[in-house]
Amino acid sequence: MKTREYNRNEAVEYAEKWAYLRNPSYYNYDNLGGDCTNFASQSIYVGSNVMNYSNIGWFYNNANNKSPSWTGVEFLYNFLINNKSVGPFGKVANINEIRIGDIAQLSFDGKKFSHTLVIVNIFEPINLENILVATHTFDSYGRSISSYDYQKIRYINIEGVRDW
């Protein structure tokens, strides 16, 4: 297996293009619990250009043939953090380790993480006000994380991509 760089710029360009639209190649989950993680997965896929079709993988073929990690907040987190096989992989990061194209996830109740965001810009000094994100469900592009009312936040730094 080869490891290569994750294309952060392509992931962010995709997020910018589709933040307020829906790519017709993917089902829109807005009315089925939200489209935020689906949108984040699409962005990650553009930056990685490989899916993982294993039983615990990360893939999308159509609305009825996808992995739970493609659309589920916790499932995406678990896939990225634990993936030792093909596809994107990452680590839990602190605020100073994140880069554009990485992921932030929010918990509004302090118990369950329920919203996924794509980090599209970071300004110095690095703080919540200077981290800008894109997302679906609550469609936005270039929104400051500090504008959300949440209890907890976690970051996933995508370290790279593995290919066969």
N, C-alpha and C. Protein backbone atom coordinates (compact mmCIF):
# COMPACT_ATOMS: atom_id res chain seq x y z
N MET A 1 0.84 -1.18 0.00
CA MET A 1 0.00 0.00 0.00
C MET A 1 0.89 1.25 0.00
N LYS A 2 0.51 2.22 -0.80
CA LYS A 2 1.25 3.49 -0.88
C LYS A 2 0.49 4.56 -0.11
N THR A 3 1.23 5.45 0.51
CA THR A 3 0.64 6.61 1.18
C THR A 3 1.00 7.85 0.38
N ARG A 4 0.00 8.71 0.20
CA ARG A 4 0.23 9.96 -0.53
C ARG A 4 -0.47 11.11 0.17
N GLU A 5 -0.18 12.31 -0.33
CA GLU A 5 -0.76 13.50 0.26
C GLU A 5 -2.23 13.64 -0.07
N TYR A 6 -2.97 14.17 0.86
CA TYR A 6 -4.36 14.56 0.69
C TYR A 6 -4.37 15.92 0.00
N ASN A 7 -5.16 16.08 -1.06
CA ASN A 7 -5.18 17.34 -1.81
C ASN A 7 -6.17 18.31 -1.15
N ARG A 8 -5.65 19.08 -0.21
CA ARG A 8 -6.46 20.00 0.57
C ARG A 8 -7.11 21.09 -0.28
N ASN A 9 -6.36 21.59 -1.25
CA ASN A 9 -6.91 22.66 -2.09
C ASN A 9 -8.11 22.19 -2.90
N GLU A 10 -8.04 20.98 -3.44
CA GLU A 10 -9.17 20.45 -4.21
C GLU A 10 -10.39 20.22 -3.31
N ALA A 11 -10.16 19.75 -2.10
CA ALA A 11 -11.27 19.55 -1.16
C ALA A 11 -11.95 20.88 -0.86
N VAL A 12 -11.17 21.92 -0.64
CA VAL A 12 -11.72 23.25 -0.33
C VAL A 12 -12.42 23.84 -1.55
N GLU A 13 -11.85 23.68 -2.74
CA GLU A 13 -12.49 24.18 -3.96
C GLU A 13 -13.85 23.51 -4.16
N TYR A 14 -13.93 22.22 -3.89
CA TYR A 14 -15.20 21.51 -3.99
C TYR A 14 -16.19 22.08 -2.98
N ALA A 15 -15.76 22.27 -1.75
CA ALA A 15 -16.63 22.81 -0.71
C ALA A 15 -17.15 24.18 -1.09
N GLU A 16 -16.31 25.00 -1.69
CA GLU A 16 -16.74 26.34 -2.12
C GLU A 16 -17.80 26.23 -3.22
N LYS A 17 -17.55 25.36 -4.19
CA LYS A 17 -18.47 25.22 -5.33
C LYS A 17 -19.85 24.73 -4.89
N TRP A 18 -19.91 23.79 -3.94
CA TRP A 18 -21.15 23.11 -3.61
C TRP A 18 -21.75 23.49 -2.26
N ALA A 19 -21.20 24.47 -1.56
CA ALA A 19 -21.69 24.81 -0.22
C ALA A 19 -23.17 25.20 -0.22
N TYR A 20 -23.61 25.91 -1.23
CA TYR A 20 -25.00 26.37 -1.28
C TYR A 20 -25.83 25.62 -2.32
N LEU A 21 -25.26 24.60 -2.91
CA LEU A 21 -25.92 23.79 -3.93
C LEU A 21 -25.85 22.33 -3.52
N ARG A 22 -26.47 21.46 -4.31
CA ARG A 22 -26.37 20.02 -4.10
C ARG A 22 -25.86 19.39 -5.38
N ASN A 23 -24.78 18.65 -5.27
CA ASN A 23 -24.23 17.94 -6.41
C ASN A 23 -25.21 16.83 -6.79
N PRO A 24 -25.72 16.84 -8.03
CA PRO A 24 -26.71 15.82 -8.41
C PRO A 24 -26.16 14.40 -8.44
N SER A 25 -24.86 14.22 -8.34
CA SER A 25 -24.26 12.89 -8.30
C SER A 25 -24.46 12.21 -6.94
N TYR A 26 -24.92 12.97 -5.94
CA TYR A 26 -25.10 12.46 -4.59
C TYR A 26 -26.52 12.74 -4.10
N TYR A 27 -27.05 11.84 -3.32
CA TYR A 27 -28.36 12.03 -2.73
C TYR A 27 -28.28 13.17 -1.70
N ASN A 28 -29.35 13.93 -1.58
CA ASN A 28 -29.44 15.01 -0.61
C ASN A 28 -30.15 14.48 0.64
N TYR A 29 -29.44 14.44 1.76
CA TYR A 29 -29.97 13.89 3.01
C TYR A 29 -30.55 14.95 3.94
N ASP A 30 -30.81 16.15 3.43
CA ASP A 30 -31.34 17.21 4.28
C ASP A 30 -32.59 16.77 5.05
N ASN A 31 -33.47 16.01 4.42
CA ASN A 31 -34.71 15.60 5.07
C ASN A 31 -34.60 14.25 5.78
N LEU A 32 -33.39 13.72 5.86
CA LEU A 32 -33.17 12.44 6.55
C LEU A 32 -32.10 12.59 7.62
N GLY A 33 -32.16 13.65 8.37
CA GLY A 33 -31.22 13.85 9.46
C GLY A 33 -30.13 14.86 9.17
N GLY A 34 -30.01 15.29 7.93
CA GLY A 34 -29.03 16.31 7.58
C GLY A 34 -28.04 15.85 6.54
N ASP A 35 -27.47 16.79 5.85
CA ASP A 35 -26.57 16.52 4.73
C ASP A 35 -25.12 16.92 5.02
N CYS A 36 -24.83 17.31 6.25
CA CYS A 36 -23.50 17.86 6.56
C CYS A 36 -22.37 16.85 6.37
N THR A 37 -22.53 15.64 6.85
CA THR A 37 -21.45 14.66 6.75
C THR A 37 -21.34 14.13 5.33
N ASN A 38 -22.45 14.02 4.62
CA ASN A 38 -22.43 13.67 3.20
C ASN A 38 -21.60 14.70 2.43
N PHE A 39 -21.85 15.97 2.69
CA PHE A 39 -21.10 17.05 2.04
C PHE A 39 -19.61 17.00 2.41
N ALA A 40 -19.31 16.78 3.67
CA ALA A 40 -17.91 16.67 4.10
C ALA A 40 -17.24 15.48 3.42
N SER A 41 -17.94 14.35 3.34
CA SER A 41 -17.37 13.17 2.67
C SER A 41 -17.11 13.45 1.20
N GLN A 42 -18.01 14.15 0.55
CA GLN A 42 -17.79 14.51 -0.86
C GLN A 42 -16.51 15.34 -1.01
N SER A 43 -16.34 16.30 -0.13
CA SER A 43 -15.14 17.15 -0.17
C SER A 43 -13.88 16.33 0.09
N ILE A 44 -13.93 15.46 1.08
CA ILE A 44 -12.79 14.60 1.39
C ILE A 44 -12.49 13.69 0.20
N TYR A 45 -13.54 13.16 -0.42
CA TYR A 45 -13.34 12.28 -1.57
C TYR A 45 -12.63 13.01 -2.72
N VAL A 46 -13.01 14.24 -2.97
CA VAL A 46 -12.35 15.01 -4.03
C VAL A 46 -10.87 15.21 -3.69
N GLY A 47 -10.57 15.40 -2.41
CA GLY A 47 -9.19 15.57 -1.98
C GLY A 47 -8.39 14.28 -1.90
N SER A 48 -9.09 13.14 -1.86
CA SER A 48 -8.39 11.86 -1.71
C SER A 48 -8.49 10.98 -2.96
N ASN A 49 -9.61 11.09 -3.67
CA ASN A 49 -9.84 10.37 -4.92
C ASN A 49 -9.80 8.85 -4.76
N VAL A 50 -10.16 8.35 -3.59
CA VAL A 50 -10.24 6.90 -3.38
C VAL A 50 -11.26 6.62 -2.27
N MET A 51 -12.03 5.57 -2.47
CA MET A 51 -12.99 5.13 -1.45
C MET A 51 -12.50 3.81 -0.87
N ASN A 52 -13.06 3.44 0.27
CA ASN A 52 -12.73 2.19 0.94
C ASN A 52 -14.00 1.34 0.97
N TYR A 53 -14.00 0.25 0.20
CA TYR A 53 -15.20 -0.58 0.07
C TYR A 53 -15.24 -1.75 1.05
N SER A 54 -14.45 -1.73 2.10
CA SER A 54 -14.50 -2.80 3.09
C SER A 54 -15.78 -2.68 3.93
N ASN A 55 -16.04 -3.70 4.73
CA ASN A 55 -17.25 -3.71 5.57
C ASN A 55 -17.30 -2.53 6.54
N ILE A 56 -16.16 -2.07 6.97
CA ILE A 56 -16.11 -0.92 7.90
C ILE A 56 -15.54 0.31 7.21
N GLY A 57 -15.68 0.35 5.89
CA GLY A 57 -15.05 1.38 5.07
C GLY A 57 -15.82 2.67 4.95
N TRP A 58 -15.50 3.36 3.88
CA TRP A 58 -16.05 4.69 3.61
C TRP A 58 -16.25 4.78 2.10
N PHE A 59 -17.53 4.74 1.67
CA PHE A 59 -17.81 4.76 0.23
C PHE A 59 -19.23 5.22 -0.04
N TYR A 60 -19.45 5.63 -1.28
CA TYR A 60 -20.77 6.02 -1.76
C TYR A 60 -20.91 5.55 -3.19
N ASN A 61 -21.93 4.73 -3.45
CA ASN A 61 -22.29 4.36 -4.82
C ASN A 61 -23.61 5.02 -5.20
N ASN A 62 -24.57 4.98 -4.29
CA ASN A 62 -25.85 5.67 -4.46
C ASN A 62 -26.51 5.75 -3.09
N ALA A 63 -27.71 6.32 -3.04
CA ALA A 63 -28.37 6.55 -1.76
C ALA A 63 -28.61 5.26 -0.99
N ASN A 64 -28.76 4.15 -1.68
CA ASN A 64 -29.03 2.87 -1.02
C ASN A 64 -27.80 1.98 -0.89
N ASN A 65 -26.67 2.45 -1.39
CA ASN A 65 -25.44 1.66 -1.36
C ASN A 65 -24.28 2.56 -0.97
N LYS A 66 -24.17 2.78 0.32
CA LYS A 66 -23.13 3.64 0.88
C LYS A 66 -22.78 3.11 2.25
N SER A 67 -21.62 3.52 2.74
CA SER A 67 -21.23 3.12 4.09
C SER A 67 -21.84 4.09 5.10
N PRO A 68 -22.08 3.63 6.33
CA PRO A 68 -22.55 4.54 7.38
C PRO A 68 -21.60 5.72 7.59
N SER A 69 -20.30 5.49 7.36
CA SER A 69 -19.32 6.55 7.57
C SER A 69 -19.43 7.67 6.55
N TRP A 70 -20.10 7.45 5.43
CA TRP A 70 -20.25 8.50 4.42
C TRP A 70 -21.18 9.61 4.92
N THR A 71 -22.20 9.24 5.70
CA THR A 71 -23.20 10.23 6.11
C THR A 71 -23.35 10.39 7.62
N GLY A 72 -22.74 9.55 8.42
CA GLY A 72 -22.91 9.61 9.87
C GLY A 72 -21.74 10.29 10.55
N VAL A 73 -22.02 11.23 11.41
CA VAL A 73 -20.98 12.02 12.09
C VAL A 73 -20.00 11.11 12.84
N GLU A 74 -20.51 10.28 13.75
CA GLU A 74 -19.63 9.41 14.54
C GLU A 74 -18.94 8.36 13.67
N PHE A 75 -19.66 7.85 12.66
CA PHE A 75 -19.08 6.84 11.77
C PHE A 75 -17.92 7.41 10.96
N LEU A 76 -18.07 8.65 10.47
CA LEU A 76 -16.98 9.29 9.72
C LEU A 76 -15.78 9.48 10.64
N TYR A 77 -16.03 9.98 11.83
CA TYR A 77 -14.95 10.17 12.81
C TYR A 77 -14.21 8.85 13.04
N ASN A 78 -14.96 7.79 13.33
CA ASN A 78 -14.34 6.49 13.61
C ASN A 78 -13.57 5.96 12.41
N PHE A 79 -14.11 6.14 11.22
CA PHE A 79 -13.39 5.67 10.03
C PHE A 79 -12.07 6.42 9.88
N LEU A 80 -12.11 7.74 9.88
CA LEU A 80 -10.90 8.52 9.64
C LEU A 80 -9.83 8.27 10.71
N ILE A 81 -10.24 8.19 11.96
CA ILE A 81 -9.29 8.02 13.06
C ILE A 81 -8.70 6.61 13.09
N ASN A 82 -9.48 5.62 12.71
CA ASN A 82 -9.05 4.23 12.83
C ASN A 82 -8.64 3.57 11.52
N ASN A 83 -8.77 4.25 10.40
CA ASN A 83 -8.50 3.62 9.12
C ASN A 83 -7.02 3.25 8.97
N LYS A 84 -6.76 1.96 8.81
CA LYS A 84 -5.40 1.47 8.57
C LYS A 84 -5.29 0.90 7.15
N SER A 85 -6.38 1.01 6.40
CA SER A 85 -6.44 0.44 5.06
C SER A 85 -6.48 1.57 4.02
N VAL A 86 -7.04 1.27 2.86
CA VAL A 86 -7.09 2.22 1.75
C VAL A 86 -8.01 3.39 2.08
N GLY A 87 -7.69 4.55 1.53
CA GLY A 87 -8.52 5.74 1.71
C GLY A 87 -7.89 6.77 2.61
N PRO A 88 -8.63 7.85 2.88
CA PRO A 88 -8.10 8.90 3.75
C PRO A 88 -8.01 8.42 5.19
N PHE A 89 -7.05 8.96 5.91
CA PHE A 89 -6.90 8.63 7.34
C PHE A 89 -6.45 9.87 8.08
N GLY A 90 -6.77 9.92 9.37
CA GLY A 90 -6.44 11.12 10.12
C GLY A 90 -6.22 10.84 11.59
N LYS A 91 -6.12 11.92 12.32
CA LYS A 91 -5.92 11.85 13.77
C LYS A 91 -6.71 12.96 14.43
N VAL A 92 -7.02 12.76 15.70
CA VAL A 92 -7.61 13.83 16.49
C VAL A 92 -6.54 14.91 16.63
N ALA A 93 -6.93 16.14 16.39
CA ALA A 93 -5.96 17.24 16.37
C ALA A 93 -6.39 18.33 17.33
N ASN A 94 -5.42 19.10 17.76
CA ASN A 94 -5.77 20.30 18.52
C ASN A 94 -5.86 21.47 17.53
N ILE A 95 -6.31 22.58 17.99
CA ILE A 95 -6.59 23.73 17.13
C ILE A 95 -5.35 24.18 16.34
N ASN A 96 -4.16 23.97 16.90
CA ASN A 96 -2.94 24.41 16.21
C ASN A 96 -2.43 23.43 15.17
N GLU A 97 -3.05 22.26 15.06
CA GLU A 97 -2.62 21.25 14.09
C GLU A 97 -3.51 21.18 12.86
N ILE A 98 -4.62 21.90 12.86
CA ILE A 98 -5.54 21.79 11.74
C ILE A 98 -5.07 22.59 10.54
N ARG A 99 -5.52 22.13 9.37
CA ARG A 99 -5.21 22.80 8.11
C ARG A 99 -6.48 22.84 7.27
N ILE A 100 -6.45 23.61 6.20
CA ILE A 100 -7.62 23.63 5.33
C ILE A 100 -7.86 22.23 4.79
N GLY A 101 -9.13 21.91 4.57
CA GLY A 101 -9.50 20.57 4.12
C GLY A 101 -9.71 19.59 5.25
N ASP A 102 -9.33 19.95 6.46
CA ASP A 102 -9.57 19.11 7.62
C ASP A 102 -11.04 19.24 8.04
N ILE A 103 -11.40 18.49 9.07
CA ILE A 103 -12.79 18.41 9.51
C ILE A 103 -12.90 18.89 10.96
N ALA A 104 -13.99 19.60 11.24
CA ALA A 104 -14.38 19.92 12.61
C ALA A 104 -15.75 19.30 12.83
N GLN A 105 -16.00 18.82 14.05
CA GLN A 105 -17.30 18.28 14.39
C GLN A 105 -17.78 18.92 15.68
N LEU A 106 -19.08 19.24 15.72
CA LEU A 106 -19.66 19.95 16.84
C LEU A 106 -20.66 19.08 17.60
N SER A 107 -20.67 19.28 18.91
CA SER A 107 -21.70 18.69 19.77
C SER A 107 -22.49 19.86 20.34
N PHE A 108 -23.78 19.88 20.04
CA PHE A 108 -24.62 20.97 20.52
C PHE A 108 -25.14 20.72 21.93
N ASP A 109 -25.18 19.45 22.35
CA ASP A 109 -25.69 19.13 23.69
C ASP A 109 -24.59 18.71 24.67
N GLY A 110 -23.34 18.67 24.20
CA GLY A 110 -22.23 18.28 25.05
C GLY A 110 -22.06 16.79 25.22
N LYS A 111 -22.95 15.99 24.58
CA LYS A 111 -22.89 14.54 24.71
C LYS A 111 -22.61 13.85 23.39
N LYS A 112 -23.32 14.25 22.35
CA LYS A 112 -23.24 13.58 21.06
C LYS A 112 -22.78 14.59 19.99
N PHE A 113 -21.80 14.20 19.20
CA PHE A 113 -21.37 15.04 18.09
C PHE A 113 -22.36 14.83 16.95
N SER A 114 -22.87 15.94 16.40
CA SER A 114 -23.96 15.83 15.44
C SER A 114 -23.84 16.75 14.22
N HIS A 115 -22.71 17.43 14.06
CA HIS A 115 -22.56 18.32 12.91
C HIS A 115 -21.11 18.28 12.43
N THR A 116 -20.94 18.09 11.11
CA THR A 116 -19.61 18.01 10.50
C THR A 116 -19.38 19.21 9.60
N LEU A 117 -18.20 19.80 9.73
CA LEU A 117 -17.82 21.00 8.99
C LEU A 117 -16.49 20.77 8.27
N VAL A 118 -16.35 21.37 7.10
CA VAL A 118 -15.09 21.33 6.36
C VAL A 118 -14.37 22.66 6.63
N ILE A 119 -13.13 22.58 7.06
CA ILE A 119 -12.35 23.80 7.32
C ILE A 119 -11.83 24.33 5.99
N VAL A 120 -12.23 25.56 5.65
CA VAL A 120 -11.88 26.12 4.34
C VAL A 120 -10.89 27.27 4.40
N ASN A 121 -10.68 27.84 5.58
CA ASN A 121 -9.69 28.91 5.70
C ASN A 121 -9.31 29.06 7.17
N ILE A 122 -8.07 29.43 7.40
CA ILE A 122 -7.57 29.66 8.75
C ILE A 122 -6.69 30.91 8.71
N PHE A 123 -6.97 31.83 9.61
CA PHE A 123 -6.18 33.05 9.70
C PHE A 123 -5.40 33.07 11.01
N GLU A 124 -4.32 33.81 11.02
CA GLU A 124 -3.54 34.02 12.24
C GLU A 124 -4.12 35.21 12.99
N PRO A 125 -4.11 35.20 14.30
CA PRO A 125 -3.74 34.08 15.15
C PRO A 125 -4.84 33.02 15.09
N ILE A 126 -4.44 31.76 15.25
CA ILE A 126 -5.41 30.67 15.16
C ILE A 126 -6.27 30.66 16.41
N ASN A 127 -7.55 30.96 16.20
CA ASN A 127 -8.55 30.89 17.26
C ASN A 127 -9.89 30.59 16.59
N LEU A 128 -10.92 30.37 17.37
CA LEU A 128 -12.21 29.96 16.82
C LEU A 128 -12.78 30.98 15.85
N GLU A 129 -12.52 32.24 16.09
CA GLU A 129 -13.03 33.29 15.20
C GLU A 129 -12.34 33.25 13.83
N ASN A 130 -11.10 32.79 13.80
CA ASN A 130 -10.31 32.81 12.57
C ASN A 130 -10.29 31.48 11.81
N ILE A 131 -11.14 30.55 12.21
CA ILE A 131 -11.29 29.29 11.49
C ILE A 131 -12.63 29.36 10.75
N LEU A 132 -12.55 29.30 9.42
CA LEU A 132 -13.75 29.42 8.60
C LEU A 132 -14.10 28.05 8.02
N VAL A 133 -15.40 27.80 7.94
CA VAL A 133 -15.87 26.47 7.54
C VAL A 133 -16.94 26.55 6.45
N ALA A 134 -17.17 25.38 5.84
CA ALA A 134 -18.29 25.20 4.90
C ALA A 134 -19.08 24.00 5.37
N THR A 135 -20.38 24.02 5.14
CA THR A 135 -21.22 22.91 5.56
C THR A 135 -22.55 22.91 4.82
N HIS A 136 -23.21 21.77 4.87
CA HIS A 136 -24.59 21.63 4.43
C HIS A 136 -25.47 21.49 5.66
N THR A 137 -26.76 21.35 5.45
CA THR A 137 -27.82 21.33 6.44
C THR A 137 -28.06 22.75 6.92
N PHE A 138 -27.06 23.37 7.52
CA PHE A 138 -27.08 24.80 7.80
C PHE A 138 -26.10 25.41 6.79
N ASP A 139 -26.52 25.47 5.52
CA ASP A 139 -25.61 25.80 4.43
C ASP A 139 -24.82 27.07 4.70
N SER A 140 -23.51 26.95 4.53
CA SER A 140 -22.66 28.13 4.67
C SER A 140 -21.30 27.86 4.05
N TYR A 141 -20.64 28.95 3.73
CA TYR A 141 -19.26 28.91 3.26
C TYR A 141 -18.56 30.13 3.85
N GLY A 142 -17.40 29.91 4.46
CA GLY A 142 -16.65 31.01 5.04
C GLY A 142 -17.22 31.48 6.37
N ARG A 143 -17.99 30.63 7.03
CA ARG A 143 -18.56 30.98 8.33
C ARG A 143 -17.56 30.67 9.43
N SER A 144 -17.44 31.57 10.36
CA SER A 144 -16.53 31.39 11.50
C SER A 144 -17.10 30.35 12.45
N ILE A 145 -16.25 29.46 12.92
CA ILE A 145 -16.69 28.46 13.91
C ILE A 145 -17.22 29.16 15.16
N SER A 146 -16.68 30.30 15.48
CA SER A 146 -17.12 31.01 16.69
C SER A 146 -18.58 31.45 16.61
N SER A 147 -19.18 31.45 15.42
CA SER A 147 -20.57 31.88 15.28
C SER A 147 -21.56 30.78 15.64
N TYR A 148 -21.08 29.56 15.86
CA TYR A 148 -21.95 28.46 16.25
C TYR A 148 -22.13 28.44 17.76
N ASP A 149 -23.30 28.01 18.21
CA ASP A 149 -23.58 27.82 19.62
C ASP A 149 -23.48 26.33 19.92
N TYR A 150 -22.35 25.89 20.43
CA TYR A 150 -22.10 24.46 20.66
C TYR A 150 -21.47 24.26 22.02
N GLN A 151 -21.48 23.01 22.48
CA GLN A 151 -20.90 22.66 23.78
C GLN A 151 -19.48 22.12 23.65
N LYS A 152 -19.25 21.30 22.59
CA LYS A 152 -17.93 20.69 22.38
C LYS A 152 -17.56 20.75 20.91
N ILE A 153 -16.26 20.75 20.67
CA ILE A 153 -15.74 20.71 19.31
C ILE A 153 -14.57 19.73 19.26
N ARG A 154 -14.44 19.06 18.13
CA ARG A 154 -13.25 18.23 17.91
C ARG A 154 -12.81 18.42 16.46
N TYR A 155 -11.52 18.25 16.26
CA TYR A 155 -10.92 18.42 14.94
C TYR A 155 -10.31 17.10 14.49
N ILE A 156 -10.40 16.84 13.19
CA ILE A 156 -9.76 15.68 12.58
C ILE A 156 -8.80 16.20 11.52
N ASN A 157 -7.52 15.98 11.75
CA ASN A 157 -6.49 16.33 10.77
C ASN A 157 -6.32 15.14 9.84
N ILE A 158 -6.60 15.35 8.56
CA ILE A 158 -6.42 14.26 7.58
C ILE A 158 -4.94 14.22 7.23
N GLU A 159 -4.31 13.14 7.66
CA GLU A 159 -2.85 13.01 7.54
C GLU A 159 -2.39 12.57 6.16
N GLY A 160 -3.26 11.86 5.43
CA GLY A 160 -2.88 11.37 4.12
C GLY A 160 -3.91 10.42 3.57
N VAL A 161 -3.52 9.76 2.46
CA VAL A 161 -4.40 8.85 1.75
C VAL A 161 -3.58 7.61 1.40
N ARG A 162 -4.21 6.45 1.56
CA ARG A 162 -3.54 5.20 1.16
C ARG A 162 -4.21 4.63 -0.09
N ASP A 163 -3.37 4.17 -1.01
CA ASP A 163 -3.81 3.50 -2.24
C ASP A 163 -3.20 2.10 -2.26
N TRP A 164 -3.78 1.22 -3.05
CA TRP A 164 -3.23 -0.12 -3.24
C TRP A 164 -1.98 -0.05 -4.06
